[in-house]
PDB file of N, CA and C in Angstrom:
ATOM      1  N   MET A   1      85.507 107.920  89.633  1.00  0.00           N
ATOM      2  CA  MET A   1      86.145 106.819  89.968  1.00  0.00           C
ATOM      3  C   MET A   1      87.639 107.210  90.514  1.00  0.00           C
ATOM      4  N   LYS A   2      88.171 106.520  91.592  1.00  0.00           N
ATOM      5  CA  LYS A   2      89.479 106.800  92.072  1.00  0.00           C
ATOM      6  C   LYS A   2      90.490 106.069  91.040  1.00  0.00           C
ATOM      7  N   VAL A   3      91.545 106.950  90.722  1.00  0.00           N
ATOM      8  CA  VAL A   3      92.645 106.336  89.909  1.00  0.00           C
ATOM      9  C   VAL A   3      93.863 106.849  90.480  1.00  0.00           C
ATOM     10  N   THR A   4      95.008 106.154  90.463  1.00  0.00           N
ATOM     11  CA  THR A   4      96.299 106.382  90.908  1.00  0.00           C
ATOM     12  C   THR A   4      97.222 106.614  89.726  1.00  0.00           C
ATOM     13  N   VAL A   5      97.711 107.804  89.696  1.00  0.00           N
ATOM     14  CA  VAL A   5      98.616 108.298  88.393  1.00  0.00           C
ATOM     15  C   VAL A   5     100.023 108.212  88.844  1.00  0.00           C
ATOM     16  N   ARG A   6     100.836 107.612  87.953  1.00  0.00           N
ATOM     17  CA  ARG A   6     102.186 107.525  88.166  1.00  0.00           C
ATOM     18  C   ARG A   6     102.904 107.721  86.757  1.00  0.00           C
ATOM     19  N   ARG A   7     104.105 107.964  86.813  1.00  0.00           N
ATOM     20  CA  ARG A   7     105.024 108.275  85.690  1.00  0.00           C
ATOM     21  C   ARG A   7     106.070 106.961  85.614  1.00  0.00           C
ATOM     22  N   GLU A   8     106.135 106.464  84.454  1.00  0.00           N
ATOM     23  CA  GLU A   8     106.866 105.324  84.289  1.00  0.00           C
ATOM     24  C   GLU A   8     108.353 105.752  83.964  1.00  0.00           C
ATOM     25  N   LYS A   9     109.369 104.844  83.887  1.00  0.00           N
ATOM     26  CA  LYS A   9     110.660 105.203  83.815  1.00  0.00           C
ATOM     27  C   LYS A   9     110.940 105.832  82.261  1.00  0.00           C
ATOM     28  N   SER A  10     110.178 105.450  81.319  1.00  0.00           N
ATOM     29  CA  SER A  10     110.183 105.947  79.930  1.00  0.00           C
ATOM     30  C   SER A  10     109.600 107.182  80.025  1.00  0.00           C
ATOM     31  N   GLY A  11     108.922 107.863  80.944  1.00  0.00           N
ATOM     32  CA  GLY A  11     108.471 109.303  81.031  1.00  0.00           C
ATOM     33  C   GLY A  11     106.911 109.167  80.726  1.00  0.00           C
ATOM     34  N   ALA A  12     106.177 108.057  80.227  1.00  0.00           N
ATOM     35  CA  ALA A  12     104.965 108.146  80.075  1.00  0.00           C
ATOM     36  C   ALA A  12     104.050 107.896  81.298  1.00  0.00           C
ATOM     37  N   PHE A  13     102.775 108.300  81.323  1.00  0.00           N
ATOM     38  CA  PHE A  13     102.005 108.203  82.525  1.00  0.00           C
ATOM     39  C   PHE A  13     101.288 106.784  82.462  1.00  0.00           C
ATOM     40  N   SER A  14     100.930 106.247  83.581  1.00  0.00           N
ATOM     41  CA  SER A  14     100.137 105.050  83.724  1.00  0.00           C
ATOM     42  C   SER A  14      99.124 105.243  84.876  1.00  0.00           C
ATOM     43  N   LEU A  15      97.993 104.710  84.656  1.00  0.00           N
ATOM     44  CA  LEU A  15      96.815 104.754  85.695  1.00  0.00           C
ATOM     45  C   LEU A  15      96.530 103.493  86.130  1.00  0.00           C
ATOM     46  N   TYR A  16      96.128 103.456  87.476  1.00  0.00           N
ATOM     47  CA  TYR A  16      95.636 102.062  88.080  1.00  0.00           C
ATOM     48  C   TYR A  16      94.377 102.362  88.662  1.00  0.00           C
ATOM     49  N   VAL A  17      93.449 101.619  88.257  1.00  0.00           N
ATOM     50  CA  VAL A  17      92.124 101.796  88.783  1.00  0.00           C
ATOM     51  C   VAL A  17      91.692 100.686  89.763  1.00  0.00           C
ATOM     52  N   PRO A  18      91.793 100.908  90.903  1.00  0.00           N
ATOM     53  CA  PRO A  18      91.524  99.743  92.129  1.00  0.00           C
ATOM     54  C   PRO A  18      90.373  98.954  91.858  1.00  0.00           C
ATOM     55  N   LYS A  19      89.208  99.493  91.744  1.00  0.00           N
ATOM     56  CA  LYS A  19      87.936  98.868  91.715  1.00  0.00           C
ATOM     57  C   LYS A  19      87.905  97.940  90.454  1.00  0.00           C
ATOM     58  N   LYS A  20      88.540  98.189  89.450  1.00  0.00           N
ATOM     59  CA  LYS A  20      88.633  97.337  88.296  1.00  0.00           C
ATOM     60  C   LYS A  20      89.717  96.415  88.166  1.00  0.00           C
ATOM     61  N   ASP A  21      90.767  96.616  89.042  1.00  0.00           N
ATOM     62  CA  ASP A  21      92.070  96.017  88.976  1.00  0.00           C
ATOM     63  C   ASP A  21      92.671  96.109  87.633  1.00  0.00           C
ATOM     64  N   LEU A  22      92.720  97.497  87.202  1.00  0.00           N
ATOM     65  CA  LEU A  22      93.086  97.587  85.796  1.00  0.00           C
ATOM     66  C   LEU A  22      94.186  98.628  85.828  1.00  0.00           C
ATOM     67  N   GLU A  23      95.401  98.261  85.282  1.00  0.00           N
ATOM     68  CA  GLU A  23      96.584  99.143  85.016  1.00  0.00           C
ATOM     69  C   GLU A  23      96.656  99.385  83.542  1.00  0.00           C
ATOM     70  N   ALA A  24      96.681 100.694  83.213  1.00  0.00           N
ATOM     71  CA  ALA A  24      96.694 100.999  81.672  1.00  0.00           C
ATOM     72  C   ALA A  24      97.562 102.273  81.555  1.00  0.00           C
ATOM     73  N   LYS A  25      98.209 102.286  80.318  1.00  0.00           N
ATOM     74  CA  LYS A  25      99.129 103.343  79.930  1.00  0.00           C
ATOM     75  C   LYS A  25      98.239 104.475  79.384  1.00  0.00           C
ATOM     76  N   VAL A  26      98.599 105.609  79.501  1.00  0.00           N
ATOM     77  CA  VAL A  26      98.007 106.910  78.737  1.00  0.00           C
ATOM     78  C   VAL A  26      98.638 106.936  77.365  1.00  0.00           C
ATOM     79  N   VAL A  27      97.704 106.905  76.288  1.00  0.00           N
ATOM     80  CA  VAL A  27      98.284 106.971  75.005  1.00  0.00           C
ATOM     81  C   VAL A  27      98.036 108.393  74.360  1.00  0.00           C
ATOM     82  N   GLU A  28      97.110 109.102  74.960  1.00  0.00           N
ATOM     83  CA  GLU A  28      96.745 110.300  74.323  1.00  0.00           C
ATOM     84  C   GLU A  28      96.276 111.402  75.372  1.00  0.00           C
ATOM     85  N   LEU A  29      96.926 112.482  75.334  1.00  0.00           N
ATOM     86  CA  LEU A  29      96.593 113.616  76.318  1.00  0.00           C
ATOM     87  C   LEU A  29      95.828 114.686  75.633  1.00  0.00           C
ATOM     88  N   GLU A  30      94.901 115.378  76.158  1.00  0.00           N
ATOM     89  CA  GLU A  30      94.212 116.633  75.700  1.00  0.00           C
ATOM     90  C   GLU A  30      95.179 117.784  76.055  1.00  0.00           C
ATOM     91  N   GLN A  31      95.752 117.602  77.295  1.00  0.00           N
ATOM     92  CA  GLN A  31      96.632 118.788  77.799  1.00  0.00           C
ATOM     93  C   GLN A  31      97.823 118.268  78.046  1.00  0.00           C
ATOM     94  N   PRO A  32      98.996 119.100  77.845  1.00  0.00           N
ATOM     95  CA  PRO A  32     100.302 118.547  77.731  1.00  0.00           C
ATOM     96  C   PRO A  32     100.772 118.099  79.352  1.00  0.00           C
ATOM     97  N   ALA A  33     100.155 118.610  80.307  1.00  0.00           N
ATOM     98  CA  ALA A  33     100.503 118.274  81.674  1.00  0.00           C
ATOM     99  C   ALA A  33      99.583 117.374  82.240  1.00  0.00           C
ATOM    100  N   LEU A  34      98.643 116.585  81.603  1.00  0.00           N
ATOM    101  CA  LEU A  34      97.865 115.633  82.002  1.00  0.00           C
ATOM    102  C   LEU A  34      96.525 116.165  82.749  1.00  0.00           C
ATOM    103  N   TRP A  35      96.843 117.021  83.671  1.00  0.00           N
ATOM    104  CA  TRP A  35      95.752 117.729  84.326  1.00  0.00           C
ATOM    105  C   TRP A  35      94.547 118.490  83.658  1.00  0.00           C
ATOM    106  N   GLY A  36      93.423 118.431  83.986  1.00  0.00           N
ATOM    107  CA  GLY A  36      92.439 119.304  83.483  1.00  0.00           C
ATOM    108  C   GLY A  36      91.735 118.935  82.176  1.00  0.00           C
ATOM    109  N   GLY A  37      92.160 117.790  81.459  1.00  0.00           N
ATOM    110  CA  GLY A  37      91.689 117.392  80.205  1.00  0.00           C
ATOM    111  C   GLY A  37      91.414 115.949  80.149  1.00  0.00           C
ATOM    112  N   LYS A  38      91.020 115.558  78.848  1.00  0.00           N
ATOM    113  CA  LYS A  38      90.862 114.331  78.552  1.00  0.00           C
ATOM    114  C   LYS A  38      92.093 113.448  78.300  1.00  0.00           C
ATOM    115  N   VAL A  39      92.040 112.157  78.800  1.00  0.00           N
ATOM    116  CA  VAL A  39      93.200 111.348  78.491  1.00  0.00           C
ATOM    117  C   VAL A  39      92.610 110.011  77.881  1.00  0.00           C
ATOM    118  N   THR A  40      93.345 109.376  77.038  1.00  0.00           N
ATOM    119  CA  THR A  40      92.967 108.225  76.488  1.00  0.00           C
ATOM    120  C   THR A  40      93.808 107.223  76.986  1.00  0.00           C
ATOM    121  N   LEU A  41      93.232 105.959  77.387  1.00  0.00           N
ATOM    122  CA  LEU A  41      94.213 104.909  77.855  1.00  0.00           C
ATOM    123  C   LEU A  41      94.298 103.696  76.756  1.00  0.00           C
ATOM    124  N   ASP A  42      95.237 102.888  76.893  1.00  0.00           N
ATOM    125  CA  ASP A  42      95.578 101.955  75.840  1.00  0.00           C
ATOM    126  C   ASP A  42      94.514 100.788  75.915  1.00  0.00           C
ATOM    127  N   ASN A  43      93.506 100.857  76.713  1.00  0.00           N
ATOM    128  CA  ASN A  43      92.448  99.883  76.585  1.00  0.00           C
ATOM    129  C   ASN A  43      91.324 100.472  75.891  1.00  0.00           C
ATOM    130  N   GLY A  44      91.331 101.961  75.642  1.00  0.00           N
ATOM    131  CA  GLY A  44      90.291 102.578  74.955  1.00  0.00           C
ATOM    132  C   GLY A  44      89.417 103.382  75.804  1.00  0.00           C
ATOM    133  N   TRP A  45      89.699 103.441  77.075  1.00  0.00           N
ATOM    134  CA  TRP A  45      88.749 104.240  77.856  1.00  0.00           C
ATOM    135  C   TRP A  45      89.341 105.627  77.712  1.00  0.00           C
ATOM    136  N   HIS A  46      88.218 106.517  77.893  1.00  0.00           N
ATOM    137  CA  HIS A  46      88.501 107.991  78.039  1.00  0.00           C
ATOM    138  C   HIS A  46      88.285 108.614  79.363  1.00  0.00           C
ATOM    139  N   LEU A  47      89.086 109.318  80.029  1.00  0.00           N
ATOM    140  CA  LEU A  47      88.823 109.815  81.367  1.00  0.00           C
ATOM    141  C   LEU A  47      89.063 111.349  81.403  1.00  0.00           C
ATOM    142  N   GLN A  48      88.080 111.991  82.128  1.00  0.00           N
ATOM    143  CA  GLN A  48      88.347 113.344  82.397  1.00  0.00           C
ATOM    144  C   GLN A  48      89.181 113.535  83.627  1.00  0.00           C
ATOM    145  N   MET A  49      90.354 114.135  83.590  1.00  0.00           N
ATOM    146  CA  MET A  49      91.131 114.283  84.685  1.00  0.00           C
ATOM    147  C   MET A  49      90.913 115.619  85.467  1.00  0.00           C
ATOM    148  N   PRO A  50      91.042 115.591  86.830  1.00  0.00           N
ATOM    149  CA  PRO A  50      90.829 116.897  87.473  1.00  0.00           C
ATOM    150  C   PRO A  50      91.933 118.007  87.334  1.00  0.00           C
ATOM    151  N   ASP A  51      91.480 119.088  87.670  1.00  0.00           N
ATOM    152  CA  ASP A  51      92.430 120.187  87.477  1.00  0.00           C
ATOM    153  C   ASP A  51      93.546 120.170  88.754  1.00  0.00           C
ATOM    154  N   MET A  52      94.699 120.088  88.432  1.00  0.00           N
ATOM    155  CA  MET A  52      95.682 119.973  89.530  1.00  0.00           C
ATOM    156  C   MET A  52      96.954 120.869  89.021  1.00  0.00           C
ATOM    157  N   PRO A  53      97.733 121.219  89.924  1.00  0.00           N
ATOM    158  CA  PRO A  53      98.978 121.944  89.371  1.00  0.00           C
ATOM    159  C   PRO A  53      99.996 121.004  88.584  1.00  0.00           C
ATOM    160  N   ALA A  54     100.654 121.465  87.657  1.00  0.00           N
ATOM    161  CA  ALA A  54     101.389 120.660  86.661  1.00  0.00           C
ATOM    162  C   ALA A  54     102.473 120.010  87.341  1.00  0.00           C
ATOM    163  N   ASP A  55     102.961 120.488  88.472  1.00  0.00           N
ATOM    164  CA  ASP A  55     104.032 120.110  89.239  1.00  0.00           C
ATOM    165  C   ASP A  55     103.504 119.042  90.472  1.00  0.00           C
ATOM    166  N   THR A  56     102.356 118.549  90.519  1.00  0.00           N
ATOM    167  CA  THR A  56     101.778 117.595  91.480  1.00  0.00           C
ATOM    168  C   THR A  56     102.789 116.438  91.450  1.00  0.00           C
ATOM    169  N   PRO A  57     103.196 116.323  92.706  1.00  0.00           N
ATOM    170  CA  PRO A  57     104.210 114.756  92.752  1.00  0.00           C
ATOM    171  C   PRO A  57     103.292 113.572  92.582  1.00  0.00           C
ATOM    172  N   LEU A  58     104.006 112.845  91.743  1.00  0.00           N
ATOM    173  CA  LEU A  58     103.451 111.418  91.515  1.00  0.00           C
ATOM    174  C   LEU A  58     104.213 110.311  92.296  1.00  0.00           C
ATOM    175  N   PRO A  59     103.605 109.258  92.708  1.00  0.00           N
ATOM    176  CA  PRO A  59     102.337 108.858  92.181  1.00  0.00           C
ATOM    177  C   PRO A  59     101.128 109.615  93.087  1.00  0.00           C
ATOM    178  N   VAL A  60      99.998 109.820  92.631  1.00  0.00           N
ATOM    179  CA  VAL A  60      98.993 110.417  93.359  1.00  0.00           C
ATOM    180  C   VAL A  60      97.552 109.823  93.009  1.00  0.00           C
ATOM    181  N   THR A  61      96.653 109.709  94.129  1.00  0.00           N
ATOM    182  CA  THR A  61      95.434 109.139  93.747  1.00  0.00           C
ATOM    183  C   THR A  61      94.420 110.427  93.655  1.00  0.00           C
ATOM    184  N   VAL A  62      93.663 110.293  92.448  1.00  0.00           N
ATOM    185  CA  VAL A  62      92.768 111.413  92.284  1.00  0.00           C
ATOM    186  C   VAL A  62      91.343 110.846  91.818  1.00  0.00           C
ATOM    187  N   GLU A  63      90.382 111.690  91.933  1.00  0.00           N
ATOM    188  CA  GLU A  63      89.000 111.429  91.358  1.00  0.00           C
ATOM    189  C   GLU A  63      88.966 111.829  89.843  1.00  0.00           C
ATOM    190  N   ALA A  64      88.859 110.837  89.011  1.00  0.00           N
ATOM    191  CA  ALA A  64      88.608 111.100  87.448  1.00  0.00           C
ATOM    192  C   ALA A  64      87.306 110.539  87.079  1.00  0.00           C
ATOM    193  N   ARG A  65      86.748 111.075  86.081  1.00  0.00           N
ATOM    194  CA  ARG A  65      85.567 110.619  85.557  1.00  0.00           C
ATOM    195  C   ARG A  65      85.484 109.983  84.104  1.00  0.00           C
ATOM    196  N   ARG A  66      84.995 108.699  83.968  1.00  0.00           N
ATOM    197  CA  ARG A  66      85.098 108.164  82.977  1.00  0.00           C
ATOM    198  C   ARG A  66      83.952 108.627  81.919  1.00  0.00           C
ATOM    199  N   LEU A  67      84.409 108.951  80.623  1.00  0.00           N
ATOM    200  CA  LEU A  67      83.828 109.420  79.537  1.00  0.00           C
ATOM    201  C   LEU A  67      83.358 108.345  78.605  1.00  0.00           C
ATOM    202  N   GLU A  68      82.132 108.552  77.880  1.00  0.00           N
ATOM    203  CA  GLU A  68      81.696 107.573  76.896  1.00  0.00           C
ATOM    204  C   GLU A  68      82.651 107.817  75.721  1.00  0.00           C
ATOM    205  N   ALA A  69      83.002 106.694  74.975  1.00  0.00           N
ATOM    206  CA  ALA A  69      83.824 106.713  73.847  1.00  0.00           C
ATOM    207  C   ALA A  69      83.425 107.651  72.759  1.00  0.00           C
TER     208      ALA A  69
END
């Protein structure tokens, strides 16, 4: 699914899922740089993020895969 990743003023990541009209904060990261690992959102969803360079400019829209809880 397409998700738009951005960094908030607090430094935390948030994701927007247009098809679900969902905006959620990332509460847990498997990898420190967000990319290439699992993330957990504040609504309980788990997503597998694509491999991207750590210095990828944000905001950016990427293809992420939703995982079962």
